[in-house]
C-alpha cells in the first residue's frame, strides 16, 4: 500500500487519519500479508505500532525539480 503521506499537502484528495486506522485494521485481519510505505510521523507509528517497521532513508523532491530533502520513510509489514 502506498497511501498519501500523513500531514503532507499537495495530494488533492481528502485522506483523514481514520483511513490509516482502517488500513491498520485491514492489515491485522487479512489472511495474507501487506506492506505499507508511508512517511515517518508519530501518529503513524502509534497507529501501526504493533507491526514490524523498517526505516528507509529517501531523498524527497516535489514535482521533480528543485532541491531534494532527506527524509525517513517507514516500510510497515503485517
PDB file of N, CA and C in Angstrom:
ATOM      1  N   UNK A   1       0.841  -1.165   0.000  1.00  0.00           N
ATOM      2  CA  UNK A   1       0.000   0.000   0.000  1.00  0.00           C
ATOM      3  C   UNK A   1       0.890   1.234   0.000  1.00  0.00           C
ATOM      4  N   UNK A   2       0.450   2.244  -0.701  1.00  0.00           N
ATOM      5  CA  UNK A   2       1.206   3.495  -0.805  1.00  0.00           C
ATOM      6  C   UNK A   2       0.235   4.675  -0.716  1.00  0.00           C
ATOM      7  N   UNK A   3      -0.330   4.908   0.472  1.00  0.00           N
ATOM      8  CA  UNK A   3      -1.301   5.998   0.626  1.00  0.00           C
ATOM      9  C   UNK A   3      -0.598   7.352   0.646  1.00  0.00           C
ATOM     10  N   UNK A   4      -1.382   8.437   0.607  1.00  0.00           N
ATOM     11  CA  UNK A   4      -0.784   9.767   0.776  1.00  0.00           C
ATOM     12  C   UNK A   4      -0.036   9.860   2.104  1.00  0.00           C
ATOM     13  N   UNK A   5       1.057  10.585   2.090  1.00  0.00           N
ATOM     14  CA  UNK A   5       1.789  10.809   3.340  1.00  0.00           C
ATOM     15  C   UNK A   5       0.904  11.586   4.307  1.00  0.00           C
ATOM     16  N   UNK A   6       0.966  11.204   5.586  1.00  0.00           N
ATOM     17  CA  UNK A   6       0.166  11.864   6.612  1.00  0.00           C
ATOM     18  C   UNK A   6       0.682  13.278   6.854  1.00  0.00           C
ATOM     19  N   UNK A   7      -0.243  14.227   6.871  1.00  0.00           N
ATOM     20  CA  UNK A   7       0.007  15.652   7.114  1.00  0.00           C
ATOM     21  C   UNK A   7       1.000  16.248   6.116  1.00  0.00           C
ATOM     22  N   UNK A   8       0.864  15.837   4.860  1.00  0.00           N
ATOM     23  CA  UNK A   8       1.672  16.387   3.771  1.00  0.00           C
ATOM     24  C   UNK A   8       0.721  16.939   2.722  1.00  0.00           C
ATOM     25  N   UNK A   9       0.879  18.195   2.387  1.00  0.00           N
ATOM     26  CA  UNK A   9      -0.019  18.857   1.432  1.00  0.00           C
ATOM     27  C   UNK A   9       0.348  18.496  -0.002  1.00  0.00           C
ATOM     28  N   UNK A  10      -0.614  18.716  -0.907  1.00  0.00           N
ATOM     29  CA  UNK A  10      -0.331  18.598  -2.323  1.00  0.00           C
ATOM     30  C   UNK A  10      -0.916  17.389  -3.017  1.00  0.00           C
ATOM     31  N   UNK A  11      -1.619  16.520  -2.292  1.00  0.00           N
ATOM     32  CA  UNK A  11      -2.189  15.328  -2.928  1.00  0.00           C
ATOM     33  C   UNK A  11      -3.526  15.611  -3.608  1.00  0.00           C
ATOM     34  N   UNK A  12      -4.245  16.615  -3.136  1.00  0.00           N
ATOM     35  CA  UNK A  12      -5.520  16.969  -3.736  1.00  0.00           C
ATOM     36  C   UNK A  12      -6.654  16.003  -3.438  1.00  0.00           C
ATOM     37  N   UNK A  13      -6.480  15.159  -2.420  1.00  0.00           N
ATOM     38  CA  UNK A  13      -7.528  14.222  -2.013  1.00  0.00           C
ATOM     39  C   UNK A  13      -7.719  14.315  -0.501  1.00  0.00           C
ATOM     40  N   UNK A  14      -8.935  14.040  -0.057  1.00  0.00           N
ATOM     41  CA  UNK A  14      -9.228  14.015   1.371  1.00  0.00           C
ATOM     42  C   UNK A  14      -8.862  12.628   1.907  1.00  0.00           C
ATOM     43  N   UNK A  15      -7.860  12.556   2.763  1.00  0.00           N
ATOM     44  CA  UNK A  15      -7.398  11.279   3.307  1.00  0.00           C
ATOM     45  C   UNK A  15      -7.112  11.490   4.784  1.00  0.00           C
ATOM     46  N   UNK A  16      -8.152  11.348   5.597  1.00  0.00           N
ATOM     47  CA  UNK A  16      -8.052  11.619   7.028  1.00  0.00           C
ATOM     48  C   UNK A  16      -7.397  10.498   7.815  1.00  0.00           C
ATOM     49  N   UNK A  17      -7.125  10.781   9.079  1.00  0.00           N
ATOM     50  CA  UNK A  17      -6.461   9.819   9.961  1.00  0.00           C
ATOM     51  C   UNK A  17      -7.252   8.520  10.071  1.00  0.00           C
ATOM     52  N   UNK A  18      -8.585   8.596   9.951  1.00  0.00           N
ATOM     53  CA  UNK A  18      -9.406   7.387  10.037  1.00  0.00           C
ATOM     54  C   UNK A  18      -9.077   6.397   8.924  1.00  0.00           C
ATOM     55  N   UNK A  19      -8.573   6.885   7.794  1.00  0.00           N
ATOM     56  CA  UNK A  19      -8.191   5.992   6.697  1.00  0.00           C
ATOM     57  C   UNK A  19      -6.972   5.142   7.081  1.00  0.00           C
ATOM     58  N   UNK A  20      -6.026   5.725   7.810  1.00  0.00           N
ATOM     59  CA  UNK A  20      -4.847   4.982   8.270  1.00  0.00           C
ATOM     60  C   UNK A  20      -5.240   3.973   9.342  1.00  0.00           C
ATOM     61  N   UNK A  21      -6.153   4.376  10.227  1.00  0.00           N
ATOM     62  CA  UNK A  21      -6.658   3.451  11.250  1.00  0.00           C
ATOM     63  C   UNK A  21      -7.321   2.258  10.568  1.00  0.00           C
ATOM     64  N   UNK A  22      -8.095   2.511   9.528  1.00  0.00           N
ATOM     65  CA  UNK A  22      -8.755   1.436   8.776  1.00  0.00           C
ATOM     66  C   UNK A  22      -7.732   0.523   8.102  1.00  0.00           C
ATOM     67  N   UNK A  23      -6.661   1.106   7.552  1.00  0.00           N
ATOM     68  CA  UNK A  23      -5.601   0.279   6.946  1.00  0.00           C
ATOM     69  C   UNK A  23      -4.971  -0.645   7.982  1.00  0.00           C
ATOM     70  N   UNK A  24      -4.724  -0.122   9.180  1.00  0.00           N
ATOM     71  CA  UNK A  24      -4.157  -0.953  10.244  1.00  0.00           C
ATOM     72  C   UNK A  24      -5.108  -2.090  10.599  1.00  0.00           C
ATOM     73  N   UNK A  25      -6.402  -1.804  10.653  1.00  0.00           N
ATOM     74  CA  UNK A  25      -7.396  -2.848  10.932  1.00  0.00           C
ATOM     75  C   UNK A  25      -7.369  -3.918   9.838  1.00  0.00           C
ATOM     76  N   UNK A  26      -7.296  -3.484   8.590  1.00  0.00           N
ATOM     77  CA  UNK A  26      -7.241  -4.443   7.478  1.00  0.00           C
ATOM     78  C   UNK A  26      -5.966  -5.287   7.532  1.00  0.00           C
ATOM     79  N   UNK A  27      -4.834  -4.646   7.840  1.00  0.00           N
ATOM     80  CA  UNK A  27      -3.572  -5.385   7.934  1.00  0.00           C
ATOM     81  C   UNK A  27      -3.629  -6.423   9.052  1.00  0.00           C
ATOM     82  N   UNK A  28      -4.355  -6.109  10.099  1.00  0.00           N
ATOM     83  CA  UNK A  28      -4.490  -7.001  11.246  1.00  0.00           C
ATOM     84  C   UNK A  28      -5.354  -8.216  10.922  1.00  0.00           C
ATOM     85  N   UNK A  29      -6.306  -8.069   9.999  1.00  0.00           N
ATOM     86  CA  UNK A  29      -7.308  -9.106   9.792  1.00  0.00           C
ATOM     87  C   UNK A  29      -7.240  -9.850   8.456  1.00  0.00           C
ATOM     88  N   UNK A  30      -6.443  -9.378   7.509  1.00  0.00           N
ATOM     89  CA  UNK A  30      -6.392 -10.071   6.218  1.00  0.00           C
ATOM     90  C   UNK A  30      -5.723 -11.434   6.370  1.00  0.00           C
ATOM     91  N   UNK A  31      -6.048 -12.340   5.475  1.00  0.00           N
ATOM     92  CA  UNK A  31      -5.459 -13.677   5.514  1.00  0.00           C
ATOM     93  C   UNK A  31      -4.033 -13.685   4.990  1.00  0.00           C
ATOM     94  N   UNK A  32      -3.711 -12.761   4.095  1.00  0.00           N
ATOM     95  CA  UNK A  32      -2.373 -12.684   3.510  1.00  0.00           C
ATOM     96  C   UNK A  32      -1.502 -11.682   4.240  1.00  0.00           C
ATOM     97  N   UNK A  33      -0.526 -11.183   3.539  1.00  0.00           N
ATOM     98  CA  UNK A  33       0.417 -10.206   4.081  1.00  0.00           C
ATOM     99  C   UNK A  33       0.225  -8.875   3.375  1.00  0.00           C
ATOM    100  N   UNK A  34       0.647  -7.811   4.019  1.00  0.00           N
ATOM    101  CA  UNK A  34       0.593  -6.480   3.428  1.00  0.00           C
ATOM    102  C   UNK A  34       1.880  -5.737   3.750  1.00  0.00           C
ATOM    103  N   UNK A  35       2.249  -4.853   2.838  1.00  0.00           N
ATOM    104  CA  UNK A  35       3.388  -3.957   3.039  1.00  0.00           C
ATOM    105  C   UNK A  35       2.890  -2.544   2.779  1.00  0.00           C
ATOM    106  N   UNK A  36       3.239  -1.644   3.664  1.00  0.00           N
ATOM    107  CA  UNK A  36       2.826  -0.254   3.572  1.00  0.00           C
ATOM    108  C   UNK A  36       4.059   0.633   3.568  1.00  0.00           C
ATOM    109  N   UNK A  37       4.127   1.593   2.659  1.00  0.00           N
ATOM    110  CA  UNK A  37       5.186   2.606   2.698  1.00  0.00           C
ATOM    111  C   UNK A  37       4.527   3.946   3.009  1.00  0.00           C
ATOM    112  N   UNK A  38       5.111   4.667   3.971  1.00  0.00           N
ATOM    113  CA  UNK A  38       4.488   5.904   4.469  1.00  0.00           C
ATOM    114  C   UNK A  38       5.569   6.770   5.117  1.00  0.00           C
ATOM    115  N   UNK A  39       5.285   8.070   5.246  1.00  0.00           N
ATOM    116  CA  UNK A  39       6.236   8.942   5.918  1.00  0.00           C
ATOM    117  C   UNK A  39       6.307   8.626   7.410  1.00  0.00           C
ATOM    118  N   UNK A  40       7.457   8.907   7.991  1.00  0.00           N
ATOM    119  CA  UNK A  40       7.679   8.659   9.412  1.00  0.00           C
ATOM    120  C   UNK A  40       7.078   9.813  10.210  1.00  0.00           C
ATOM    121  N   UNK A  41       6.042   9.521  10.964  1.00  0.00           N
ATOM    122  CA  UNK A  41       5.338  10.533  11.766  1.00  0.00           C
ATOM    123  C   UNK A  41       4.872   9.842  13.051  1.00  0.00           C
ATOM    124  N   UNK A  42       4.904  10.536  14.187  1.00  0.00           N
ATOM    125  CA  UNK A  42       4.474   9.907  15.447  1.00  0.00           C
ATOM    126  C   UNK A  42       3.072   9.311  15.389  1.00  0.00           C
ATOM    127  N   UNK A  43       2.139   9.960  14.701  1.00  0.00           N
ATOM    128  CA  UNK A  43       0.777   9.420  14.585  1.00  0.00           C
ATOM    129  C   UNK A  43       0.782   8.084  13.842  1.00  0.00           C
ATOM    130  N   UNK A  44       1.568   7.997  12.784  1.00  0.00           N
ATOM    131  CA  UNK A  44       1.658   6.757  12.005  1.00  0.00           C
ATOM    132  C   UNK A  44       2.282   5.657  12.846  1.00  0.00           C
ATOM    133  N   UNK A  45       3.331   5.982  13.589  1.00  0.00           N
ATOM    134  CA  UNK A  45       3.970   4.981  14.458  1.00  0.00           C
ATOM    135  C   UNK A  45       2.990   4.474  15.520  1.00  0.00           C
ATOM    136  N   UNK A  46       2.146   5.347  16.023  1.00  0.00           N
ATOM    137  CA  UNK A  46       1.165   4.936  17.029  1.00  0.00           C
ATOM    138  C   UNK A  46       0.100   4.020  16.416  1.00  0.00           C
ATOM    139  N   UNK A  47      -0.400   4.370  15.256  1.00  0.00           N
ATOM    140  CA  UNK A  47      -1.454   3.581  14.609  1.00  0.00           C
ATOM    141  C   UNK A  47      -0.957   2.201  14.205  1.00  0.00           C
ATOM    142  N   UNK A  48       0.265   2.123  13.694  1.00  0.00           N
ATOM    143  CA  UNK A  48       0.807   0.865  13.179  1.00  0.00           C
ATOM    144  C   UNK A  48       1.846   0.251  14.116  1.00  0.00           C
ATOM    145  N   UNK A  49       1.831   0.659  15.382  1.00  0.00           N
ATOM    146  CA  UNK A  49       2.848   0.253  16.349  1.00  0.00           C
ATOM    147  C   UNK A  49       3.010  -1.240  16.565  1.00  0.00           C
ATOM    148  N   UNK A  50       1.974  -2.009  16.325  1.00  0.00           N
ATOM    149  CA  UNK A  50       2.047  -3.459  16.551  1.00  0.00           C
ATOM    150  C   UNK A  50       2.759  -4.214  15.424  1.00  0.00           C
ATOM    151  N   UNK A  51       3.004  -3.529  14.311  1.00  0.00           N
ATOM    152  CA  UNK A  51       3.599  -4.181  13.151  1.00  0.00           C
ATOM    153  C   UNK A  51       5.105  -3.951  13.087  1.00  0.00           C
ATOM    154  N   UNK A  52       5.770  -4.825  12.356  1.00  0.00           N
ATOM    155  CA  UNK A  52       7.204  -4.666  12.111  1.00  0.00           C
ATOM    156  C   UNK A  52       7.418  -3.447  11.231  1.00  0.00           C
ATOM    157  N   UNK A  53       8.393  -2.605  11.592  1.00  0.00           N
ATOM    158  CA  UNK A  53       8.702  -1.390  10.824  1.00  0.00           C
ATOM    159  C   UNK A  53      10.170  -1.334  10.494  1.00  0.00           C
ATOM    160  N   UNK A  54      10.442  -0.825   9.320  1.00  0.00           N
ATOM    161  CA  UNK A  54      11.819  -0.613   8.883  1.00  0.00           C
ATOM    162  C   UNK A  54      11.939   0.824   8.413  1.00  0.00           C
ATOM    163  N   UNK A  55      12.959   1.531   8.879  1.00  0.00           N
ATOM    164  CA  UNK A  55      13.202   2.901   8.440  1.00  0.00           C
ATOM    165  C   UNK A  55      14.086   2.883   7.206  1.00  0.00           C
ATOM    166  N   UNK A  56      13.695   3.681   6.209  1.00  0.00           N
ATOM    167  CA  UNK A  56      14.444   3.768   4.963  1.00  0.00           C
ATOM    168  C   UNK A  56      14.672   5.240   4.650  1.00  0.00           C
ATOM    169  N   UNK A  57      15.906   5.615   4.441  1.00  0.00           N
ATOM    170  CA  UNK A  57      16.212   6.990   4.069  1.00  0.00           C
ATOM    171  C   UNK A  57      15.876   7.237   2.610  1.00  0.00           C
ATOM    172  N   UNK A  58      15.250   8.370   2.337  1.00  0.00           N
ATOM    173  CA  UNK A  58      14.913   8.743   0.961  1.00  0.00           C
ATOM    174  C   UNK A  58      15.266  10.207   0.740  1.00  0.00           C
ATOM    175  N   UNK A  59      15.476  10.573  -0.511  1.00  0.00           N
ATOM    176  CA  UNK A  59      15.613  11.969  -0.898  1.00  0.00           C
ATOM    177  C   UNK A  59      14.288  12.372  -1.521  1.00  0.00           C
ATOM    178  N   UNK A  60      13.553  13.241  -0.854  1.00  0.00           N
ATOM    179  CA  UNK A  60      12.200  13.629  -1.245  1.00  0.00           C
ATOM    180  C   UNK A  60      12.252  14.903  -2.071  1.00  0.00           C
ATOM    181  N   UNK A  61      11.628  14.853  -3.252  1.00  0.00           N
ATOM    182  CA  UNK A  61      11.604  16.006  -4.134  1.00  0.00           C
ATOM    183  C   UNK A  61      10.180  16.159  -4.689  1.00  0.00           C
ATOM    184  N   UNK A  62       9.596  17.313  -4.526  1.00  0.00           N
ATOM    185  CA  UNK A  62       8.243  17.563  -5.005  1.00  0.00           C
ATOM    186  C   UNK A  62       8.291  18.067  -6.445  1.00  0.00           C
ATOM    187  N   UNK A  63       7.480  17.471  -7.304  1.00  0.00           N
ATOM    188  CA  UNK A  63       7.341  17.948  -8.670  1.00  0.00           C
ATOM    189  C   UNK A  63       8.529  17.699  -9.571  1.00  0.00           C
ATOM    190  N   UNK A  64       9.479  16.884  -9.132  1.00  0.00           N
ATOM    191  CA  UNK A  64      10.606  16.516  -9.984  1.00  0.00           C
ATOM    192  C   UNK A  64      11.654  17.594 -10.171  1.00  0.00           C
ATOM    193  N   UNK A  65      11.590  18.685  -9.445  1.00  0.00           N
ATOM    194  CA  UNK A  65      12.588  19.737  -9.607  1.00  0.00           C
ATOM    195  C   UNK A  65      12.989  20.316  -8.276  1.00  0.00           C
ATOM    196  N   UNK A  66      13.983  21.133  -8.324  1.00  0.00           N
ATOM    197  CA  UNK A  66      14.426  21.790  -7.096  1.00  0.00           C
ATOM    198  C   UNK A  66      15.367  20.915  -6.286  1.00  0.00           C
ATOM    199  N   UNK A  67      15.547  21.308  -5.050  1.00  0.00           N
ATOM    200  CA  UNK A  67      16.487  20.641  -4.156  1.00  0.00           C
ATOM    201  C   UNK A  67      15.811  19.515  -3.380  1.00  0.00           C
ATOM    202  N   UNK A  68      16.457  18.376  -3.338  1.00  0.00           N
ATOM    203  CA  UNK A  68      15.936  17.223  -2.602  1.00  0.00           C
ATOM    204  C   UNK A  68      16.151  17.420  -1.099  1.00  0.00           C
ATOM    205  N   UNK A  69      15.218  16.880  -0.317  1.00  0.00           N
ATOM    206  CA  UNK A  69      15.309  16.927   1.143  1.00  0.00           C
ATOM    207  C   UNK A  69      15.385  15.496   1.666  1.00  0.00           C
ATOM    208  N   UNK A  70      16.351  15.231   2.521  1.00  0.00           N
ATOM    209  CA  UNK A  70      16.499  13.899   3.098  1.00  0.00           C
ATOM    210  C   UNK A  70      15.378  13.655   4.110  1.00  0.00           C
ATOM    211  N   UNK A  71      14.707  12.519   3.984  1.00  0.00           N
ATOM    212  CA  UNK A  71      13.602  12.148   4.866  1.00  0.00           C
ATOM    213  C   UNK A  71      13.702  10.664   5.216  1.00  0.00           C
ATOM    214  N   UNK A  72      12.944  10.272   6.221  1.00  0.00           N
ATOM    215  CA  UNK A  72      12.832   8.859   6.597  1.00  0.00           C
ATOM    216  C   UNK A  72      11.438   8.388   6.216  1.00  0.00           C
ATOM    217  N   UNK A  73      11.367   7.275   5.527  1.00  0.00           N
ATOM    218  CA  UNK A  73      10.091   6.637   5.199  1.00  0.00           C
ATOM    219  C   UNK A  73      10.035   5.327   5.988  1.00  0.00           C
ATOM    220  N   UNK A  74       8.820   4.944   6.369  1.00  0.00           N
ATOM    221  CA  UNK A  74       8.633   3.679   7.066  1.00  0.00           C
ATOM    222  C   UNK A  74       8.087   2.646   6.100  1.00  0.00           C
ATOM    223  N   UNK A  75       8.649   1.471   6.163  1.00  0.00           N
ATOM    224  CA  UNK A  75       8.096   0.295   5.489  1.00  0.00           C
ATOM    225  C   UNK A  75       7.515  -0.553   6.609  1.00  0.00           C
ATOM    226  N   UNK A  76       6.209  -0.773   6.558  1.00  0.00           N
ATOM    227  CA  UNK A  76       5.494  -1.479   7.629  1.00  0.00           C
ATOM    228  C   UNK A  76       4.973  -2.791   7.078  1.00  0.00           C
ATOM    229  N   UNK A  77       5.226  -3.881   7.807  1.00  0.00           N
ATOM    230  CA  UNK A  77       4.866  -5.229   7.357  1.00  0.00           C
ATOM    231  C   UNK A  77       3.828  -5.857   8.288  1.00  0.00           C
ATOM    232  N   UNK A  78       2.877  -6.565   7.701  1.00  0.00           N
ATOM    233  CA  UNK A  78       1.930  -7.310   8.537  1.00  0.00           C
ATOM    234  C   UNK A  78       2.424  -8.735   8.697  1.00  0.00           C
TER     235      UNK A  78
END
